[in-house]
Each structure stands twice: as structure tokens, then as C-alpha cells.
Amino acid sequence: MKINHIILASAFAFGSIALTSCNETPAPPAVVDNTPAILKGDAALKVDGAASKLNWKGDMLGLYSHEGLINITNGSIMLKDGKINGGNFTVDMNSIQPTDNGYDEADHSKANFIGHLSSNDFFDIANNPTATFAVNSVTNNVGKGTLTLRGISNEESIEDVTITPEGDNAVRITGTVKFDRKKYNVSFDMPVKDKVLSNDITLKVDLLAKK
């Protein structure tokens, strides 16, 4: 009789354990945070001019366009939790380099074009060897900043701002600025009526910023 009681008690206990085990909710998997360290908290970064670039483009409406590169020399970027919180960069105006093929060696050579861009008709580089852009704010991939060109400053928008981490210690920042050259006294107009130089100049910014 006692043996039967022991068997029944053991069976009841085993059943209770099995029932309890079946009703247990499994623990949720641990959350793994793969966010790069550079996108956490505050980060003060230096712009690597050698690894950054600025593309420019101007249009002769209905005819052709010229485009090229210009060097970024230095700058800084402030991040807060992966978002741009301020910054600036400096451009070497003496480094203008056309990359399109719209030139000839007769009357419209690449060297002549660079000389014209350097003159008072355009950027007056002898008196204004650098230009700067100061980032004021960025919200939803659209930024506001201050462009200083020929000693004149105006607020401009930065469109399509992206921030891409490159490891834990660097980010690649890109964006596009389109500005009206005449706001900066870049007032040259073609003397021929059927050739109209667009007032808009487009800059594609590509910055590498590091800790």
C-alpha cells in the first residue's frame, strides 16, 4: 500500500513538473546593438581633405555644361547620436579642375577656361583664394548652412544629406548644394544672345570625417 502511494506521488510530481515546463514562456533573445561607436553620443571629427571631394557643375542652357573638381582642404564635423550637429569645411579655389571634354586647343582651351573662372568675371580668386561652408543644422536629410564665396555670405540648403559610417572612427557625408551665383557677385553673362549661362551652380559634397 505504501509502495502504491509512493508511486502515485512520484507520478503526480513528475506530471506537475512536465506541465509546468510546457507552460513556461521562453526568454526573448538578447538584443544585439550593431550601431557603430561613432554614431553613439557626441563625436568631434576632422575632415580629411585628401579623402574628400567637391564636384561642381554649371550649365550653358540648352547647349552644354561644364563640370569638374575642386579640393577641400580641411574642416570639422560635430555628430550627436549619429546626426550632424554642426561643422564646416574650406575649399581651395585655386584648385579648380574641369573634368568634362567641352574644350578645344584653339579658342576655348581648358587652361583659358580655368583662367576665366579665376578672373573677376567669376570667382576673383586672387583676392578670394578660399571659400567656406558652415553647417548650421540638418533635419530629415535636409540641411541649412552658410556659404561664403568672394567674401559674401548667404544661407543655402543642403539636399539629400547622408551619413555612412566607415568603421568605428570615420563617417562619409554626402549632400548637394545648388546656389545662385549672382548672389555672390559672380555676375558674368555671355555677350552672345543665343548663349545663356545658368545662374545656378551645383555642388556635390563628399566628405570623409575622422576622429
N, C-alpha and C. Protein backbone atom coordinates (compact mmCIF):
# COMPACT_ATOMS: atom_id res chain seq x y z
N MET A 1 0.82 -1.20 0.00
CA MET A 1 0.00 0.00 0.00
C MET A 1 0.86 1.25 0.00
N LYS A 2 1.85 1.24 0.82
CA LYS A 2 2.75 2.39 0.88
C LYS A 2 3.49 2.55 -0.43
N ILE A 3 3.81 1.39 -1.04
CA ILE A 3 4.53 1.45 -2.32
C ILE A 3 3.67 2.11 -3.37
N ASN A 4 2.36 1.77 -3.39
CA ASN A 4 1.43 2.39 -4.36
C ASN A 4 1.34 3.89 -4.15
N HIS A 5 1.27 4.29 -2.85
CA HIS A 5 1.21 5.73 -2.56
C HIS A 5 2.45 6.43 -3.07
N ILE A 6 3.59 5.79 -2.86
CA ILE A 6 4.86 6.40 -3.32
C ILE A 6 4.87 6.54 -4.83
N ILE A 7 4.40 5.49 -5.51
CA ILE A 7 4.36 5.52 -6.99
C ILE A 7 3.43 6.62 -7.46
N LEU A 8 2.25 6.73 -6.83
CA LEU A 8 1.29 7.76 -7.24
C LEU A 8 1.83 9.16 -6.99
N ALA A 9 2.48 9.33 -5.84
CA ALA A 9 3.04 10.65 -5.51
C ALA A 9 4.13 11.03 -6.50
N SER A 10 4.96 10.07 -6.86
CA SER A 10 6.03 10.33 -7.81
C SER A 10 5.47 10.69 -9.17
N ALA A 11 4.44 9.97 -9.58
CA ALA A 11 3.83 10.24 -10.88
C ALA A 11 3.21 11.62 -10.90
N PHE A 12 2.54 12.01 -9.80
CA PHE A 12 1.91 13.33 -9.71
C PHE A 12 2.96 14.43 -9.79
N ALA A 13 4.07 14.21 -9.06
CA ALA A 13 5.13 15.21 -9.04
C ALA A 13 5.76 15.35 -10.43
N PHE A 14 5.99 14.23 -11.10
CA PHE A 14 6.58 14.25 -12.44
C PHE A 14 5.65 14.97 -13.43
N GLY A 15 4.35 14.69 -13.29
CA GLY A 15 3.37 15.33 -14.17
C GLY A 15 3.32 16.82 -13.95
N SER A 16 3.40 17.22 -12.69
CA SER A 16 3.37 18.65 -12.38
C SER A 16 4.58 19.35 -12.97
N ILE A 17 5.75 18.71 -12.85
CA ILE A 17 6.97 19.30 -13.40
C ILE A 17 6.86 19.42 -14.92
N ALA A 18 6.37 18.34 -15.57
CA ALA A 18 6.24 18.34 -17.03
C ALA A 18 5.27 19.41 -17.48
N LEU A 19 4.11 19.54 -16.75
CA LEU A 19 3.11 20.54 -17.10
C LEU A 19 3.66 21.94 -16.95
N THR A 20 4.40 22.16 -15.87
CA THR A 20 5.00 23.48 -15.63
C THR A 20 5.99 23.83 -16.72
N SER A 21 6.81 22.83 -17.12
CA SER A 21 7.82 23.05 -18.16
C SER A 21 7.16 23.41 -19.47
N CYS A 22 6.05 22.77 -19.80
CA CYS A 22 5.37 23.04 -21.06
C CYS A 22 4.77 24.44 -21.09
N ASN A 23 4.36 24.96 -19.93
CA ASN A 23 3.71 26.27 -19.87
C ASN A 23 4.69 27.44 -19.73
N GLU A 24 5.99 27.15 -19.58
CA GLU A 24 6.96 28.23 -19.42
C GLU A 24 7.17 28.97 -20.74
N THR A 25 7.21 30.30 -20.71
CA THR A 25 7.48 31.13 -21.90
C THR A 25 8.98 31.26 -22.07
N PRO A 26 9.51 30.93 -23.27
CA PRO A 26 10.97 31.03 -23.46
C PRO A 26 11.44 32.47 -23.37
N ALA A 27 12.62 32.66 -22.82
CA ALA A 27 13.17 34.00 -22.67
C ALA A 27 13.44 34.61 -24.05
N PRO A 28 13.13 35.91 -24.25
CA PRO A 28 13.39 36.54 -25.55
C PRO A 28 14.88 36.58 -25.84
N PRO A 29 15.26 36.52 -27.10
CA PRO A 29 16.68 36.56 -27.44
C PRO A 29 17.30 37.91 -27.06
N ALA A 30 18.55 37.88 -26.70
CA ALA A 30 19.23 39.12 -26.32
C ALA A 30 19.32 40.06 -27.52
N VAL A 31 19.06 41.35 -27.28
CA VAL A 31 19.14 42.36 -28.34
C VAL A 31 20.60 42.74 -28.54
N VAL A 32 21.07 42.62 -29.78
CA VAL A 32 22.44 42.97 -30.11
C VAL A 32 22.47 44.33 -30.80
N ASP A 33 23.18 45.28 -30.24
CA ASP A 33 23.28 46.62 -30.80
C ASP A 33 24.51 46.68 -31.71
N ASN A 34 24.25 46.73 -33.04
CA ASN A 34 25.34 46.77 -34.01
C ASN A 34 25.67 48.19 -34.48
N THR A 35 25.10 49.19 -33.81
CA THR A 35 25.38 50.56 -34.20
C THR A 35 26.86 50.87 -33.99
N PRO A 36 27.55 51.38 -35.03
CA PRO A 36 28.97 51.72 -34.85
C PRO A 36 29.16 52.75 -33.74
N ALA A 37 30.26 52.64 -33.03
CA ALA A 37 30.51 53.52 -31.89
C ALA A 37 30.47 55.00 -32.26
N ILE A 38 30.88 55.31 -33.50
CA ILE A 38 30.95 56.71 -33.91
C ILE A 38 29.57 57.37 -34.01
N LEU A 39 28.52 56.55 -34.10
CA LEU A 39 27.16 57.08 -34.20
C LEU A 39 26.46 57.13 -32.84
N LYS A 40 27.21 56.92 -31.77
CA LYS A 40 26.64 56.97 -30.43
C LYS A 40 27.21 58.17 -29.67
N GLY A 41 26.35 58.93 -29.04
CA GLY A 41 26.81 60.06 -28.24
C GLY A 41 27.39 61.17 -29.10
N ASP A 42 28.29 61.95 -28.50
CA ASP A 42 28.90 63.09 -29.18
C ASP A 42 30.22 62.67 -29.82
N ALA A 43 30.48 63.20 -31.02
CA ALA A 43 31.73 62.91 -31.71
C ALA A 43 32.21 64.18 -32.41
N ALA A 44 33.45 64.56 -32.15
CA ALA A 44 34.08 65.70 -32.83
C ALA A 44 35.05 65.14 -33.86
N LEU A 45 34.79 65.39 -35.14
CA LEU A 45 35.55 64.78 -36.22
C LEU A 45 36.29 65.84 -37.04
N LYS A 46 37.39 65.43 -37.63
CA LYS A 46 38.15 66.28 -38.55
C LYS A 46 37.92 65.80 -39.98
N VAL A 47 37.72 66.76 -40.88
CA VAL A 47 37.54 66.42 -42.28
C VAL A 47 38.90 66.08 -42.90
N ASP A 48 38.97 64.93 -43.54
CA ASP A 48 40.18 64.51 -44.25
C ASP A 48 40.10 65.06 -45.67
N GLY A 49 40.81 66.17 -45.92
CA GLY A 49 40.72 66.82 -47.22
C GLY A 49 41.18 65.94 -48.36
N ALA A 50 42.21 65.14 -48.14
CA ALA A 50 42.74 64.29 -49.20
C ALA A 50 41.76 63.21 -49.61
N ALA A 51 40.88 62.80 -48.70
CA ALA A 51 39.92 61.74 -48.98
C ALA A 51 38.52 62.29 -49.23
N SER A 52 38.40 63.61 -49.35
CA SER A 52 37.12 64.27 -49.61
C SER A 52 37.17 64.93 -50.98
N LYS A 53 36.01 65.26 -51.52
CA LYS A 53 36.00 65.93 -52.82
C LYS A 53 34.73 66.76 -52.98
N LEU A 54 34.83 67.73 -53.89
CA LEU A 54 33.71 68.60 -54.20
C LEU A 54 33.58 68.65 -55.72
N ASN A 55 32.46 68.17 -56.23
CA ASN A 55 32.18 68.26 -57.66
C ASN A 55 31.33 69.49 -57.95
N TRP A 56 31.66 70.23 -58.99
CA TRP A 56 30.86 71.40 -59.37
C TRP A 56 30.34 71.23 -60.79
N LYS A 57 29.23 71.90 -61.07
CA LYS A 57 28.66 71.84 -62.42
C LYS A 57 27.93 73.14 -62.72
N GLY A 58 28.19 73.67 -63.92
CA GLY A 58 27.49 74.85 -64.41
C GLY A 58 26.99 74.58 -65.82
N ASP A 59 25.83 75.13 -66.18
CA ASP A 59 25.20 74.84 -67.47
C ASP A 59 25.15 76.05 -68.37
N MET A 60 25.44 75.83 -69.65
CA MET A 60 25.12 76.76 -70.70
C MET A 60 23.78 76.29 -71.25
N LEU A 61 22.71 76.98 -70.87
CA LEU A 61 21.37 76.44 -71.05
C LEU A 61 21.09 76.05 -72.50
N GLY A 62 20.63 74.81 -72.67
CA GLY A 62 20.26 74.32 -73.98
C GLY A 62 21.42 73.94 -74.87
N LEU A 63 22.66 74.09 -74.38
CA LEU A 63 23.82 73.83 -75.23
C LEU A 63 24.74 72.77 -74.64
N TYR A 64 25.34 73.06 -73.52
CA TYR A 64 26.30 72.14 -72.91
C TYR A 64 26.50 72.53 -71.46
N SER A 65 27.30 71.76 -70.75
CA SER A 65 27.62 72.06 -69.36
C SER A 65 29.11 71.85 -69.14
N HIS A 66 29.62 72.50 -68.12
CA HIS A 66 30.99 72.26 -67.66
C HIS A 66 30.91 71.73 -66.24
N GLU A 67 31.81 70.83 -65.92
CA GLU A 67 31.86 70.30 -64.57
C GLU A 67 33.29 69.93 -64.21
N GLY A 68 33.52 69.71 -62.93
CA GLY A 68 34.87 69.37 -62.51
C GLY A 68 34.99 69.18 -61.02
N LEU A 69 36.21 69.25 -60.52
CA LEU A 69 36.53 69.02 -59.12
C LEU A 69 37.19 70.26 -58.54
N ILE A 70 37.10 70.37 -57.24
CA ILE A 70 37.82 71.41 -56.50
C ILE A 70 38.17 70.82 -55.14
N ASN A 71 39.34 71.15 -54.64
CA ASN A 71 39.84 70.49 -53.42
C ASN A 71 39.22 71.06 -52.15
N ILE A 72 38.91 70.16 -51.23
CA ILE A 72 38.55 70.52 -49.86
C ILE A 72 39.82 70.39 -49.03
N THR A 73 40.18 71.45 -48.31
CA THR A 73 41.45 71.43 -47.59
C THR A 73 41.31 70.93 -46.16
N ASN A 74 40.29 71.36 -45.45
CA ASN A 74 40.13 70.96 -44.04
C ASN A 74 38.71 71.26 -43.60
N GLY A 75 38.42 70.91 -42.36
CA GLY A 75 37.10 71.19 -41.81
C GLY A 75 36.86 70.35 -40.57
N SER A 76 35.68 70.46 -40.03
CA SER A 76 35.30 69.69 -38.84
C SER A 76 33.81 69.39 -38.90
N ILE A 77 33.43 68.29 -38.30
CA ILE A 77 32.03 67.88 -38.23
C ILE A 77 31.72 67.45 -36.80
N MET A 78 30.60 67.91 -36.28
CA MET A 78 30.13 67.50 -34.95
C MET A 78 28.92 66.58 -35.12
N LEU A 79 29.00 65.41 -34.52
CA LEU A 79 27.87 64.47 -34.53
C LEU A 79 27.28 64.34 -33.14
N LYS A 80 25.98 64.15 -33.08
CA LYS A 80 25.30 63.83 -31.82
C LYS A 80 24.32 62.71 -32.10
N ASP A 81 24.61 61.53 -31.55
CA ASP A 81 23.78 60.35 -31.76
C ASP A 81 23.56 60.09 -33.25
N GLY A 82 24.64 60.21 -34.03
CA GLY A 82 24.57 59.88 -35.45
C GLY A 82 24.00 60.96 -36.34
N LYS A 83 23.72 62.14 -35.79
CA LYS A 83 23.18 63.24 -36.59
C LYS A 83 24.15 64.42 -36.55
N ILE A 84 24.21 65.16 -37.67
CA ILE A 84 25.11 66.30 -37.75
C ILE A 84 24.60 67.42 -36.87
N ASN A 85 25.49 67.89 -36.00
CA ASN A 85 25.14 68.92 -35.04
C ASN A 85 25.85 70.24 -35.33
N GLY A 86 26.60 70.28 -36.41
CA GLY A 86 27.36 71.46 -36.79
C GLY A 86 28.62 71.06 -37.52
N GLY A 87 29.29 72.04 -38.10
CA GLY A 87 30.53 71.74 -38.79
C GLY A 87 30.84 72.77 -39.85
N ASN A 88 31.93 72.54 -40.57
CA ASN A 88 32.35 73.46 -41.63
C ASN A 88 33.41 72.78 -42.48
N PHE A 89 33.63 73.34 -43.67
CA PHE A 89 34.77 72.90 -44.47
C PHE A 89 35.23 74.06 -45.35
N THR A 90 36.51 74.00 -45.76
CA THR A 90 37.14 75.05 -46.55
C THR A 90 37.54 74.50 -47.90
N VAL A 91 37.35 75.32 -48.93
CA VAL A 91 37.63 74.93 -50.31
C VAL A 91 38.77 75.79 -50.86
N ASP A 92 39.71 75.15 -51.53
CA ASP A 92 40.82 75.85 -52.18
C ASP A 92 40.40 76.26 -53.59
N MET A 93 40.09 77.54 -53.79
CA MET A 93 39.59 78.00 -55.08
C MET A 93 40.65 77.91 -56.18
N ASN A 94 41.91 77.88 -55.81
CA ASN A 94 42.97 77.76 -56.80
C ASN A 94 43.08 76.35 -57.39
N SER A 95 42.31 75.41 -56.85
CA SER A 95 42.42 74.02 -57.30
C SER A 95 41.34 73.63 -58.31
N ILE A 96 40.61 74.60 -58.84
CA ILE A 96 39.55 74.28 -59.81
C ILE A 96 40.11 73.46 -60.97
N GLN A 97 39.49 72.30 -61.21
CA GLN A 97 39.96 71.42 -62.28
C GLN A 97 38.76 70.90 -63.07
N PRO A 98 38.55 71.38 -64.31
CA PRO A 98 37.46 70.85 -65.14
C PRO A 98 37.73 69.38 -65.51
N THR A 99 36.66 68.60 -65.58
CA THR A 99 36.79 67.18 -65.93
C THR A 99 35.98 66.81 -67.17
N ASP A 100 35.20 67.73 -67.73
CA ASP A 100 34.42 67.42 -68.93
C ASP A 100 35.30 67.58 -70.17
N ASN A 101 34.74 67.27 -71.32
CA ASN A 101 35.51 67.29 -72.56
C ASN A 101 35.12 68.44 -73.50
N GLY A 102 34.45 69.43 -72.99
CA GLY A 102 33.95 70.51 -73.85
C GLY A 102 34.96 71.60 -74.13
N TYR A 103 36.16 71.24 -74.59
CA TYR A 103 37.22 72.22 -74.83
C TYR A 103 37.92 71.90 -76.14
N ASP A 104 38.60 72.90 -76.66
CA ASP A 104 39.49 72.69 -77.80
C ASP A 104 40.73 73.56 -77.58
N GLU A 105 41.75 73.28 -78.30
CA GLU A 105 43.02 74.00 -78.09
C GLU A 105 43.10 75.30 -78.89
N ALA A 106 42.07 75.59 -79.66
CA ALA A 106 42.10 76.81 -80.48
C ALA A 106 41.69 78.04 -79.68
N ASP A 107 40.42 78.18 -79.44
CA ASP A 107 39.95 79.40 -78.77
C ASP A 107 39.20 79.11 -77.46
N HIS A 108 39.09 77.85 -77.11
CA HIS A 108 38.37 77.52 -75.87
C HIS A 108 39.08 76.35 -75.17
N SER A 109 40.32 76.58 -74.79
CA SER A 109 41.10 75.54 -74.13
C SER A 109 40.72 75.43 -72.66
N LYS A 110 41.08 74.32 -72.06
CA LYS A 110 40.82 74.13 -70.63
C LYS A 110 41.56 75.17 -69.79
N ALA A 111 42.79 75.49 -70.18
CA ALA A 111 43.57 76.49 -69.45
C ALA A 111 42.91 77.86 -69.51
N ASN A 112 42.38 78.23 -70.70
CA ASN A 112 41.69 79.52 -70.83
C ASN A 112 40.43 79.55 -69.97
N PHE A 113 39.73 78.41 -69.91
CA PHE A 113 38.51 78.35 -69.11
C PHE A 113 38.83 78.52 -67.62
N ILE A 114 39.88 77.84 -67.15
CA ILE A 114 40.29 77.99 -65.75
C ILE A 114 40.67 79.45 -65.46
N GLY A 115 41.39 80.06 -66.40
CA GLY A 115 41.77 81.46 -66.23
C GLY A 115 40.56 82.37 -66.14
N HIS A 116 39.53 82.08 -66.94
CA HIS A 116 38.32 82.90 -66.90
C HIS A 116 37.58 82.72 -65.57
N LEU A 117 37.49 81.48 -65.10
CA LEU A 117 36.84 81.24 -63.80
C LEU A 117 37.59 81.94 -62.66
N SER A 118 38.91 82.07 -62.82
CA SER A 118 39.72 82.68 -61.76
C SER A 118 39.63 84.19 -61.76
N SER A 119 39.15 84.76 -62.85
CA SER A 119 39.14 86.21 -63.00
C SER A 119 38.00 86.86 -62.23
N ASN A 120 37.96 88.19 -62.31
CA ASN A 120 36.91 88.94 -61.63
C ASN A 120 35.54 88.70 -62.25
N ASP A 121 35.50 88.17 -63.48
CA ASP A 121 34.21 87.82 -64.08
C ASP A 121 33.48 86.75 -63.27
N PHE A 122 34.28 85.89 -62.65
CA PHE A 122 33.69 84.79 -61.89
C PHE A 122 34.08 84.86 -60.41
N PHE A 123 35.15 84.18 -60.01
CA PHE A 123 35.41 83.99 -58.59
C PHE A 123 36.50 84.88 -58.00
N ASP A 124 37.16 85.71 -58.83
CA ASP A 124 38.16 86.67 -58.35
C ASP A 124 39.10 85.99 -57.34
N ILE A 125 39.72 84.91 -57.80
CA ILE A 125 40.47 84.03 -56.90
C ILE A 125 41.70 84.71 -56.31
N ALA A 126 42.29 85.65 -57.02
CA ALA A 126 43.47 86.34 -56.48
C ALA A 126 43.14 87.03 -55.16
N ASN A 127 41.94 87.55 -55.04
CA ASN A 127 41.53 88.23 -53.81
C ASN A 127 40.69 87.35 -52.89
N ASN A 128 40.24 86.21 -53.41
CA ASN A 128 39.40 85.30 -52.61
C ASN A 128 39.84 83.87 -52.85
N PRO A 129 41.00 83.49 -52.29
CA PRO A 129 41.58 82.18 -52.59
C PRO A 129 40.85 81.00 -51.95
N THR A 130 39.97 81.26 -51.02
CA THR A 130 39.22 80.17 -50.39
C THR A 130 37.74 80.50 -50.33
N ALA A 131 36.93 79.47 -50.23
CA ALA A 131 35.50 79.58 -49.94
C ALA A 131 35.21 78.66 -48.77
N THR A 132 34.15 78.94 -48.03
CA THR A 132 33.82 78.11 -46.87
C THR A 132 32.34 77.79 -46.84
N PHE A 133 32.03 76.69 -46.19
CA PHE A 133 30.64 76.33 -45.94
C PHE A 133 30.52 75.91 -44.49
N ALA A 134 29.64 76.58 -43.76
CA ALA A 134 29.40 76.26 -42.35
C ALA A 134 28.03 75.62 -42.21
N VAL A 135 27.99 74.43 -41.64
CA VAL A 135 26.73 73.71 -41.45
C VAL A 135 26.03 74.24 -40.19
N ASN A 136 24.81 74.70 -40.36
CA ASN A 136 24.06 75.23 -39.22
C ASN A 136 23.14 74.18 -38.60
N SER A 137 22.47 73.40 -39.44
CA SER A 137 21.55 72.38 -38.92
C SER A 137 21.23 71.38 -40.03
N VAL A 138 20.84 70.18 -39.63
CA VAL A 138 20.39 69.15 -40.57
C VAL A 138 19.17 68.46 -39.97
N THR A 139 18.06 68.46 -40.71
CA THR A 139 16.83 67.80 -40.26
C THR A 139 16.25 67.00 -41.41
N ASN A 140 16.01 65.71 -41.16
CA ASN A 140 15.41 64.84 -42.18
C ASN A 140 16.15 64.91 -43.51
N ASN A 141 17.46 64.83 -43.44
CA ASN A 141 18.32 64.78 -44.63
C ASN A 141 18.37 66.08 -45.43
N VAL A 142 17.87 67.15 -44.84
CA VAL A 142 17.97 68.48 -45.47
C VAL A 142 18.66 69.41 -44.48
N GLY A 143 19.72 70.05 -44.93
CA GLY A 143 20.48 70.92 -44.04
C GLY A 143 20.39 72.39 -44.43
N LYS A 144 20.77 73.22 -43.50
CA LYS A 144 20.92 74.65 -43.73
C LYS A 144 22.35 75.02 -43.37
N GLY A 145 22.94 75.85 -44.21
CA GLY A 145 24.31 76.25 -43.94
C GLY A 145 24.60 77.61 -44.52
N THR A 146 25.79 78.13 -44.22
CA THR A 146 26.21 79.44 -44.71
C THR A 146 27.38 79.27 -45.66
N LEU A 147 27.16 79.63 -46.93
CA LEU A 147 28.20 79.60 -47.94
C LEU A 147 28.84 80.98 -48.03
N THR A 148 30.17 81.03 -47.96
CA THR A 148 30.91 82.28 -48.13
C THR A 148 31.78 82.16 -49.37
N LEU A 149 31.50 83.02 -50.34
CA LEU A 149 32.18 82.98 -51.63
C LEU A 149 32.43 84.43 -52.07
N ARG A 150 33.65 84.72 -52.49
CA ARG A 150 34.03 86.09 -52.84
C ARG A 150 33.77 87.05 -51.68
N GLY A 151 33.88 86.56 -50.45
CA GLY A 151 33.69 87.39 -49.28
C GLY A 151 32.25 87.69 -48.96
N ILE A 152 31.30 87.06 -49.67
CA ILE A 152 29.87 87.29 -49.46
C ILE A 152 29.26 86.03 -48.88
N SER A 153 28.44 86.17 -47.85
CA SER A 153 27.83 85.02 -47.17
C SER A 153 26.33 85.01 -47.35
N ASN A 154 25.80 83.84 -47.65
CA ASN A 154 24.35 83.64 -47.76
C ASN A 154 24.00 82.26 -47.21
N GLU A 155 22.77 82.14 -46.72
CA GLU A 155 22.30 80.82 -46.28
C GLU A 155 21.88 80.01 -47.48
N GLU A 156 22.30 78.75 -47.51
CA GLU A 156 21.95 77.83 -48.59
C GLU A 156 21.46 76.51 -48.00
N SER A 157 20.71 75.77 -48.81
CA SER A 157 20.21 74.46 -48.39
C SER A 157 21.14 73.36 -48.88
N ILE A 158 21.22 72.30 -48.10
CA ILE A 158 21.95 71.09 -48.48
C ILE A 158 20.91 69.97 -48.61
N GLU A 159 20.77 69.44 -49.81
CA GLU A 159 19.77 68.41 -50.05
C GLU A 159 20.41 67.02 -49.99
N ASP A 160 19.55 66.03 -49.69
CA ASP A 160 19.95 64.61 -49.75
C ASP A 160 21.18 64.32 -48.90
N VAL A 161 21.20 64.82 -47.69
CA VAL A 161 22.34 64.58 -46.80
C VAL A 161 22.31 63.13 -46.33
N THR A 162 23.44 62.44 -46.49
CA THR A 162 23.56 61.07 -46.00
C THR A 162 24.81 60.96 -45.13
N ILE A 163 24.73 60.09 -44.12
CA ILE A 163 25.87 59.80 -43.24
C ILE A 163 26.08 58.30 -43.25
N THR A 164 27.24 57.86 -43.72
CA THR A 164 27.55 56.44 -43.80
C THR A 164 28.78 56.14 -42.96
N PRO A 165 28.64 55.33 -41.91
CA PRO A 165 29.83 55.00 -41.09
C PRO A 165 30.83 54.18 -41.87
N GLU A 166 32.10 54.46 -41.67
CA GLU A 166 33.18 53.66 -42.22
C GLU A 166 34.02 53.18 -41.04
N GLY A 167 33.57 52.08 -40.44
CA GLY A 167 34.18 51.59 -39.21
C GLY A 167 33.68 52.38 -38.01
N ASP A 168 34.41 52.29 -36.91
CA ASP A 168 34.00 52.96 -35.67
C ASP A 168 34.58 54.36 -35.54
N ASN A 169 35.45 54.77 -36.46
CA ASN A 169 36.16 56.03 -36.27
C ASN A 169 36.02 57.02 -37.42
N ALA A 170 35.14 56.74 -38.40
CA ALA A 170 35.01 57.65 -39.53
C ALA A 170 33.61 57.55 -40.13
N VAL A 171 33.18 58.63 -40.77
CA VAL A 171 31.91 58.64 -41.50
C VAL A 171 32.12 59.31 -42.85
N ARG A 172 31.35 58.88 -43.83
CA ARG A 172 31.30 59.52 -45.13
C ARG A 172 30.00 60.33 -45.19
N ILE A 173 30.11 61.63 -45.48
CA ILE A 173 28.95 62.52 -45.53
C ILE A 173 28.81 63.06 -46.94
N THR A 174 27.63 62.93 -47.53
CA THR A 174 27.40 63.45 -48.87
C THR A 174 26.15 64.33 -48.88
N GLY A 175 26.08 65.21 -49.85
CA GLY A 175 24.93 66.09 -49.99
C GLY A 175 25.10 66.97 -51.22
N THR A 176 24.07 67.69 -51.58
CA THR A 176 24.08 68.54 -52.78
C THR A 176 23.64 69.95 -52.43
N VAL A 177 24.42 70.92 -52.89
CA VAL A 177 24.11 72.34 -52.70
C VAL A 177 23.94 72.97 -54.08
N LYS A 178 22.82 73.65 -54.31
CA LYS A 178 22.62 74.40 -55.54
C LYS A 178 22.42 75.87 -55.16
N PHE A 179 23.25 76.75 -55.71
CA PHE A 179 23.16 78.16 -55.33
C PHE A 179 23.15 79.06 -56.56
N ASP A 180 22.61 80.25 -56.37
CA ASP A 180 22.55 81.27 -57.41
C ASP A 180 23.85 82.07 -57.37
N ARG A 181 24.66 81.95 -58.41
CA ARG A 181 25.98 82.59 -58.43
C ARG A 181 25.90 84.11 -58.32
N LYS A 182 24.80 84.69 -58.80
CA LYS A 182 24.71 86.16 -58.81
C LYS A 182 24.56 86.74 -57.40
N LYS A 183 24.14 85.91 -56.45
CA LYS A 183 24.09 86.40 -55.06
C LYS A 183 25.49 86.64 -54.50
N TYR A 184 26.50 86.12 -55.21
CA TYR A 184 27.89 86.25 -54.75
C TYR A 184 28.72 87.11 -55.72
N ASN A 185 28.03 87.92 -56.49
CA ASN A 185 28.68 88.81 -57.48
C ASN A 185 29.46 88.04 -58.54
N VAL A 186 29.07 86.80 -58.78
CA VAL A 186 29.60 86.08 -59.93
C VAL A 186 28.62 86.38 -61.07
N SER A 187 28.80 87.54 -61.67
CA SER A 187 27.73 88.12 -62.49
C SER A 187 27.97 88.06 -63.99
N PHE A 188 28.98 87.32 -64.44
CA PHE A 188 29.29 87.26 -65.87
C PHE A 188 28.12 86.69 -66.66
N ASP A 189 27.81 87.32 -67.79
CA ASP A 189 26.82 86.82 -68.73
C ASP A 189 27.45 86.75 -70.12
N MET A 190 27.02 85.78 -70.90
CA MET A 190 27.56 85.63 -72.24
C MET A 190 27.17 86.83 -73.10
N PRO A 191 28.10 87.35 -73.89
CA PRO A 191 27.78 88.51 -74.74
C PRO A 191 26.94 88.14 -75.96
N VAL A 192 26.81 86.83 -76.23
CA VAL A 192 26.03 86.38 -77.38
C VAL A 192 24.62 86.01 -76.92
N LYS A 193 23.61 86.52 -77.58
CA LYS A 193 22.24 86.37 -77.11
C LYS A 193 21.76 84.93 -77.08
N ASP A 194 22.26 84.09 -78.00
CA ASP A 194 21.76 82.72 -78.04
C ASP A 194 22.53 81.78 -77.12
N LYS A 195 23.40 82.35 -76.28
CA LYS A 195 24.10 81.56 -75.28
C LYS A 195 23.81 82.14 -73.90
N VAL A 196 23.10 81.37 -73.10
CA VAL A 196 22.69 81.85 -71.77
C VAL A 196 23.34 80.97 -70.71
N LEU A 197 24.16 81.58 -69.87
CA LEU A 197 24.81 80.87 -68.77
C LEU A 197 23.86 80.80 -67.59
N SER A 198 23.58 79.59 -67.10
CA SER A 198 22.68 79.44 -65.96
C SER A 198 23.21 80.16 -64.73
N ASN A 199 22.32 80.71 -63.97
CA ASN A 199 22.70 81.35 -62.70
C ASN A 199 23.00 80.31 -61.62
N ASP A 200 22.53 79.10 -61.81
CA ASP A 200 22.69 78.06 -60.78
C ASP A 200 23.98 77.28 -60.96
N ILE A 201 24.69 77.10 -59.87
CA ILE A 201 25.86 76.22 -59.82
C ILE A 201 25.55 75.11 -58.82
N THR A 202 25.82 73.87 -59.22
CA THR A 202 25.53 72.72 -58.36
C THR A 202 26.82 72.16 -57.79
N LEU A 203 26.84 71.95 -56.49
CA LEU A 203 27.98 71.35 -55.80
C LEU A 203 27.56 70.02 -55.20
N LYS A 204 28.32 68.99 -55.47
CA LYS A 204 28.09 67.69 -54.83
C LYS A 204 29.22 67.48 -53.82
N VAL A 205 28.85 67.45 -52.56
CA VAL A 205 29.80 67.39 -51.47
C VAL A 205 30.01 65.94 -51.03
N ASP A 206 31.28 65.56 -50.87
CA ASP A 206 31.62 64.21 -50.41
C ASP A 206 32.75 64.34 -49.40
N LEU A 207 32.41 64.24 -48.11
CA LEU A 207 33.39 64.45 -47.04
C LEU A 207 33.68 63.14 -46.31
N LEU A 208 34.95 62.92 -46.02
CA LEU A 208 35.33 61.86 -45.08
C LEU A 208 35.78 62.55 -43.80
N ALA A 209 35.10 62.26 -42.71
CA ALA A 209 35.43 62.88 -41.42
C ALA A 209 35.83 61.79 -40.43
N LYS A 210 36.94 62.04 -39.72
CA LYS A 210 37.51 61.03 -38.82
C LYS A 210 37.70 61.58 -37.42
N LYS A 211 37.75 60.64 -36.45
CA LYS A 211 38.12 61.01 -35.08
C LYS A 211 39.59 61.35 -35.02
